[in-house]
Amino acid sequence: MRVLLELIRIILLFAIVGGILGNFIGYAYLEMGINTEKHGWMGFTSVFILLVVLYRNKWQFSGWYVGKGRVKLPKRVSRILIFSSISLLLLPPVLSFIF
């Protein structure tokens, strides 16, 4: 039962927080004049990566699941994922400017 509750919690967190951040980034891209149909997927992917890092390093320890596998991501992996997420977030304005 705890696993099911944790799965529901993960889905709701990703849907609500990811939806809000994704819409915010999509709106910001539209205001900058970036074609969101062409480059918008990069912003949404970066939000997903950031949410995965945030969940694995913070949110998983405040949930219902108490079994095996509750470890933080290694710092190097976290830094690589955060850097790639920020790069994906900043890439659409650059590509829009170049092309």
N, C-alpha and C. Protein backbone atom coordinates (compact mmCIF):
# COMPACT_ATOMS: atom_id res chain seq x y z
N MET A 1 0.82 -1.20 0.00
CA MET A 1 0.00 0.00 0.00
C MET A 1 0.87 1.26 0.00
N ARG A 2 2.00 1.21 0.76
CA ARG A 2 2.88 2.38 0.81
C ARG A 2 3.50 2.67 -0.56
N VAL A 3 3.81 1.62 -1.29
CA VAL A 3 4.40 1.80 -2.62
C VAL A 3 3.40 2.47 -3.55
N LEU A 4 2.15 2.07 -3.48
CA LEU A 4 1.11 2.67 -4.32
C LEU A 4 0.90 4.14 -3.96
N LEU A 5 0.90 4.45 -2.67
CA LEU A 5 0.75 5.84 -2.25
C LEU A 5 1.94 6.69 -2.73
N GLU A 6 3.13 6.12 -2.65
CA GLU A 6 4.31 6.85 -3.11
C GLU A 6 4.27 7.06 -4.63
N LEU A 7 3.80 6.07 -5.36
CA LEU A 7 3.68 6.21 -6.81
C LEU A 7 2.68 7.30 -7.17
N ILE A 8 1.56 7.34 -6.48
CA ILE A 8 0.56 8.39 -6.71
C ILE A 8 1.16 9.76 -6.37
N ARG A 9 1.92 9.81 -5.29
CA ARG A 9 2.57 11.06 -4.88
C ARG A 9 3.55 11.53 -5.95
N ILE A 10 4.34 10.62 -6.49
CA ILE A 10 5.30 10.97 -7.55
C ILE A 10 4.57 11.51 -8.77
N ILE A 11 3.53 10.83 -9.18
CA ILE A 11 2.78 11.26 -10.37
C ILE A 11 2.19 12.64 -10.16
N LEU A 12 1.60 12.87 -9.00
CA LEU A 12 1.01 14.18 -8.73
C LEU A 12 2.07 15.28 -8.64
N LEU A 13 3.20 15.00 -7.99
CA LEU A 13 4.26 15.99 -7.90
C LEU A 13 4.78 16.36 -9.29
N PHE A 14 5.05 15.35 -10.09
CA PHE A 14 5.59 15.63 -11.42
C PHE A 14 4.54 16.32 -12.30
N ALA A 15 3.29 15.91 -12.18
CA ALA A 15 2.25 16.52 -13.01
C ALA A 15 2.00 17.97 -12.61
N ILE A 16 1.89 18.22 -11.32
CA ILE A 16 1.55 19.58 -10.88
C ILE A 16 2.75 20.51 -11.02
N VAL A 17 3.86 20.15 -10.40
CA VAL A 17 5.05 21.01 -10.45
C VAL A 17 5.60 21.09 -11.87
N GLY A 18 5.67 19.96 -12.55
CA GLY A 18 6.15 19.95 -13.93
C GLY A 18 5.25 20.73 -14.86
N GLY A 19 3.95 20.62 -14.65
CA GLY A 19 3.01 21.38 -15.47
C GLY A 19 3.14 22.88 -15.27
N ILE A 20 3.27 23.30 -14.02
CA ILE A 20 3.41 24.73 -13.73
C ILE A 20 4.71 25.27 -14.30
N LEU A 21 5.82 24.57 -14.04
CA LEU A 21 7.11 25.03 -14.56
C LEU A 21 7.17 24.97 -16.09
N GLY A 22 6.60 23.90 -16.66
CA GLY A 22 6.59 23.77 -18.11
C GLY A 22 5.80 24.87 -18.79
N ASN A 23 4.64 25.20 -18.22
CA ASN A 23 3.84 26.30 -18.78
C ASN A 23 4.54 27.64 -18.62
N PHE A 24 5.20 27.83 -17.49
CA PHE A 24 5.94 29.07 -17.28
C PHE A 24 7.07 29.21 -18.30
N ILE A 25 7.81 28.13 -18.53
CA ILE A 25 8.91 28.18 -19.50
C ILE A 25 8.36 28.35 -20.92
N GLY A 26 7.27 27.66 -21.24
CA GLY A 26 6.65 27.82 -22.56
C GLY A 26 6.19 29.25 -22.79
N TYR A 27 5.61 29.86 -21.76
CA TYR A 27 5.17 31.26 -21.88
C TYR A 27 6.38 32.18 -22.05
N ALA A 28 7.45 31.92 -21.30
CA ALA A 28 8.66 32.74 -21.42
C ALA A 28 9.26 32.61 -22.82
N TYR A 29 9.27 31.41 -23.36
CA TYR A 29 9.78 31.22 -24.72
C TYR A 29 8.92 31.96 -25.74
N LEU A 30 7.61 31.92 -25.56
CA LEU A 30 6.73 32.64 -26.48
C LEU A 30 6.97 34.14 -26.40
N GLU A 31 7.18 34.66 -25.20
CA GLU A 31 7.44 36.09 -25.04
C GLU A 31 8.76 36.50 -25.68
N MET A 32 9.73 35.59 -25.72
CA MET A 32 11.02 35.87 -26.36
C MET A 32 10.96 35.67 -27.87
N GLY A 33 9.84 35.17 -28.37
CA GLY A 33 9.70 34.95 -29.80
C GLY A 33 10.30 33.65 -30.29
N ILE A 34 10.42 32.67 -29.40
CA ILE A 34 10.99 31.38 -29.75
C ILE A 34 9.88 30.46 -30.23
N ASN A 35 10.12 29.76 -31.31
CA ASN A 35 9.16 28.81 -31.85
C ASN A 35 9.08 27.60 -30.90
N THR A 36 8.01 27.52 -30.12
CA THR A 36 7.91 26.44 -29.13
C THR A 36 7.61 25.09 -29.77
N GLU A 37 7.06 25.09 -30.96
CA GLU A 37 6.82 23.80 -31.63
C GLU A 37 8.14 23.17 -32.08
N LYS A 38 9.11 24.00 -32.35
CA LYS A 38 10.39 23.51 -32.83
C LYS A 38 11.37 23.24 -31.69
N HIS A 39 11.43 24.15 -30.72
CA HIS A 39 12.44 24.06 -29.66
C HIS A 39 11.85 23.90 -28.26
N GLY A 40 10.55 23.86 -28.13
CA GLY A 40 9.93 23.81 -26.81
C GLY A 40 10.21 22.54 -26.04
N TRP A 41 10.45 21.45 -26.74
CA TRP A 41 10.70 20.17 -26.05
C TRP A 41 11.94 20.23 -25.18
N MET A 42 12.89 21.08 -25.51
CA MET A 42 14.10 21.18 -24.71
C MET A 42 13.82 21.76 -23.33
N GLY A 43 12.96 22.75 -23.27
CA GLY A 43 12.59 23.34 -21.99
C GLY A 43 11.83 22.36 -21.12
N PHE A 44 10.92 21.61 -21.71
CA PHE A 44 10.14 20.65 -20.94
C PHE A 44 11.01 19.47 -20.48
N THR A 45 11.98 19.08 -21.30
CA THR A 45 12.91 18.03 -20.90
C THR A 45 13.78 18.50 -19.74
N SER A 46 14.20 19.75 -19.78
CA SER A 46 15.03 20.26 -18.69
C SER A 46 14.25 20.31 -17.39
N VAL A 47 12.96 20.64 -17.45
CA VAL A 47 12.13 20.63 -16.25
C VAL A 47 12.02 19.21 -15.70
N PHE A 48 11.83 18.24 -16.57
CA PHE A 48 11.73 16.85 -16.13
C PHE A 48 13.02 16.40 -15.45
N ILE A 49 14.17 16.74 -16.03
CA ILE A 49 15.45 16.35 -15.45
C ILE A 49 15.62 16.99 -14.08
N LEU A 50 15.30 18.27 -13.96
CA LEU A 50 15.41 18.94 -12.67
C LEU A 50 14.49 18.30 -11.62
N LEU A 51 13.29 17.91 -12.02
CA LEU A 51 12.38 17.26 -11.09
C LEU A 51 12.90 15.90 -10.64
N VAL A 52 13.52 15.17 -11.55
CA VAL A 52 14.09 13.87 -11.18
C VAL A 52 15.20 14.05 -10.15
N VAL A 53 16.08 15.02 -10.37
CA VAL A 53 17.16 15.28 -9.43
C VAL A 53 16.59 15.73 -8.08
N LEU A 54 15.62 16.62 -8.12
CA LEU A 54 15.01 17.09 -6.88
C LEU A 54 14.32 15.97 -6.13
N TYR A 55 13.64 15.09 -6.85
CA TYR A 55 12.97 13.98 -6.18
C TYR A 55 13.99 13.03 -5.57
N ARG A 56 14.99 12.66 -6.34
CA ARG A 56 15.97 11.67 -5.85
C ARG A 56 16.81 12.21 -4.69
N ASN A 57 17.03 13.53 -4.62
CA ASN A 57 17.88 14.08 -3.58
C ASN A 57 17.10 14.64 -2.38
N LYS A 58 15.83 14.97 -2.52
CA LYS A 58 15.09 15.58 -1.42
C LYS A 58 13.75 14.89 -1.16
N TRP A 59 12.88 14.87 -2.16
CA TRP A 59 11.49 14.49 -1.94
C TRP A 59 11.29 13.02 -1.57
N GLN A 60 12.17 12.13 -1.99
CA GLN A 60 11.97 10.71 -1.72
C GLN A 60 12.09 10.39 -0.24
N PHE A 61 12.74 11.25 0.52
CA PHE A 61 12.94 10.99 1.94
C PHE A 61 11.77 11.49 2.79
N SER A 62 10.83 12.21 2.18
CA SER A 62 9.68 12.71 2.93
C SER A 62 8.39 11.98 2.56
N GLY A 63 8.49 10.88 1.83
CA GLY A 63 7.31 10.15 1.38
C GLY A 63 6.95 8.98 2.26
N TRP A 64 6.07 8.13 1.73
CA TRP A 64 5.58 6.99 2.47
C TRP A 64 6.46 5.75 2.34
N TYR A 65 7.22 5.68 1.26
CA TYR A 65 8.03 4.47 1.02
C TYR A 65 9.25 4.48 1.93
N VAL A 66 9.49 3.35 2.61
CA VAL A 66 10.62 3.26 3.53
C VAL A 66 11.51 2.06 3.21
N GLY A 67 11.40 1.49 2.03
CA GLY A 67 12.15 0.29 1.67
C GLY A 67 13.54 0.59 1.15
N LYS A 68 14.08 -0.39 0.44
CA LYS A 68 15.42 -0.28 -0.14
C LYS A 68 15.44 0.73 -1.28
N GLY A 69 16.62 1.18 -1.60
CA GLY A 69 16.79 2.05 -2.76
C GLY A 69 16.61 3.52 -2.47
N ARG A 70 16.51 3.90 -1.21
CA ARG A 70 16.34 5.32 -0.86
C ARG A 70 17.70 5.94 -0.62
N VAL A 71 18.40 6.23 -1.69
CA VAL A 71 19.70 6.87 -1.59
C VAL A 71 19.73 8.08 -2.51
N LYS A 72 20.52 9.06 -2.13
CA LYS A 72 20.68 10.24 -2.96
C LYS A 72 21.51 9.89 -4.19
N LEU A 73 21.34 10.70 -5.22
CA LEU A 73 22.21 10.58 -6.38
C LEU A 73 23.61 11.02 -5.99
N PRO A 74 24.63 10.41 -6.58
CA PRO A 74 25.99 10.90 -6.31
C PRO A 74 26.11 12.37 -6.75
N LYS A 75 26.95 13.11 -6.05
CA LYS A 75 27.09 14.55 -6.34
C LYS A 75 27.50 14.80 -7.78
N ARG A 76 28.37 13.96 -8.30
CA ARG A 76 28.83 14.14 -9.68
C ARG A 76 27.67 13.96 -10.67
N VAL A 77 26.85 12.95 -10.44
CA VAL A 77 25.69 12.71 -11.31
C VAL A 77 24.70 13.86 -11.20
N SER A 78 24.47 14.33 -9.97
CA SER A 78 23.55 15.46 -9.78
C SER A 78 24.04 16.69 -10.52
N ARG A 79 25.34 16.97 -10.41
CA ARG A 79 25.89 18.15 -11.10
C ARG A 79 25.80 18.02 -12.61
N ILE A 80 26.08 16.83 -13.12
CA ILE A 80 25.99 16.62 -14.57
C ILE A 80 24.55 16.81 -15.05
N LEU A 81 23.59 16.24 -14.31
CA LEU A 81 22.19 16.37 -14.71
C LEU A 81 21.70 17.81 -14.61
N ILE A 82 22.10 18.51 -13.57
CA ILE A 82 21.68 19.91 -13.42
C ILE A 82 22.32 20.76 -14.51
N PHE A 83 23.58 20.54 -14.82
CA PHE A 83 24.24 21.28 -15.89
C PHE A 83 23.59 21.01 -17.24
N SER A 84 23.27 19.75 -17.51
CA SER A 84 22.62 19.44 -18.79
C SER A 84 21.22 20.03 -18.84
N SER A 85 20.53 20.07 -17.71
CA SER A 85 19.20 20.65 -17.68
C SER A 85 19.26 22.16 -17.93
N ILE A 86 20.21 22.83 -17.32
CA ILE A 86 20.35 24.27 -17.54
C ILE A 86 20.76 24.54 -18.98
N SER A 87 21.62 23.68 -19.53
CA SER A 87 22.01 23.83 -20.94
C SER A 87 20.82 23.67 -21.86
N LEU A 88 19.98 22.66 -21.59
CA LEU A 88 18.78 22.47 -22.41
C LEU A 88 17.81 23.65 -22.27
N LEU A 89 17.77 24.24 -21.10
CA LEU A 89 16.89 25.37 -20.86
C LEU A 89 17.35 26.61 -21.61
N LEU A 90 18.66 26.79 -21.73
CA LEU A 90 19.20 27.97 -22.40
C LEU A 90 19.43 27.78 -23.89
N LEU A 91 19.35 26.57 -24.37
CA LEU A 91 19.63 26.28 -25.78
C LEU A 91 18.58 26.83 -26.75
N PRO A 92 17.28 26.78 -26.48
CA PRO A 92 16.31 27.31 -27.44
C PRO A 92 16.49 28.79 -27.79
N PRO A 93 16.75 29.68 -26.82
CA PRO A 93 17.00 31.07 -27.24
C PRO A 93 18.22 31.22 -28.15
N VAL A 94 19.26 30.45 -27.87
CA VAL A 94 20.47 30.51 -28.69
C VAL A 94 20.18 29.99 -30.10
N LEU A 95 19.51 28.84 -30.18
CA LEU A 95 19.18 28.28 -31.50
C LEU A 95 18.23 29.17 -32.27
N SER A 96 17.29 29.78 -31.58
CA SER A 96 16.35 30.69 -32.23
C SER A 96 17.07 31.91 -32.78
N PHE A 97 18.08 32.37 -32.06
CA PHE A 97 18.86 33.53 -32.51
C PHE A 97 19.72 33.18 -33.72
N ILE A 98 20.32 31.97 -33.69
CA ILE A 98 21.21 31.56 -34.78
C ILE A 98 20.42 31.25 -36.05
N PHE A 99 19.33 30.52 -35.91
CA PHE A 99 18.56 30.11 -37.10
C PHE A 99 17.42 31.04 -37.24
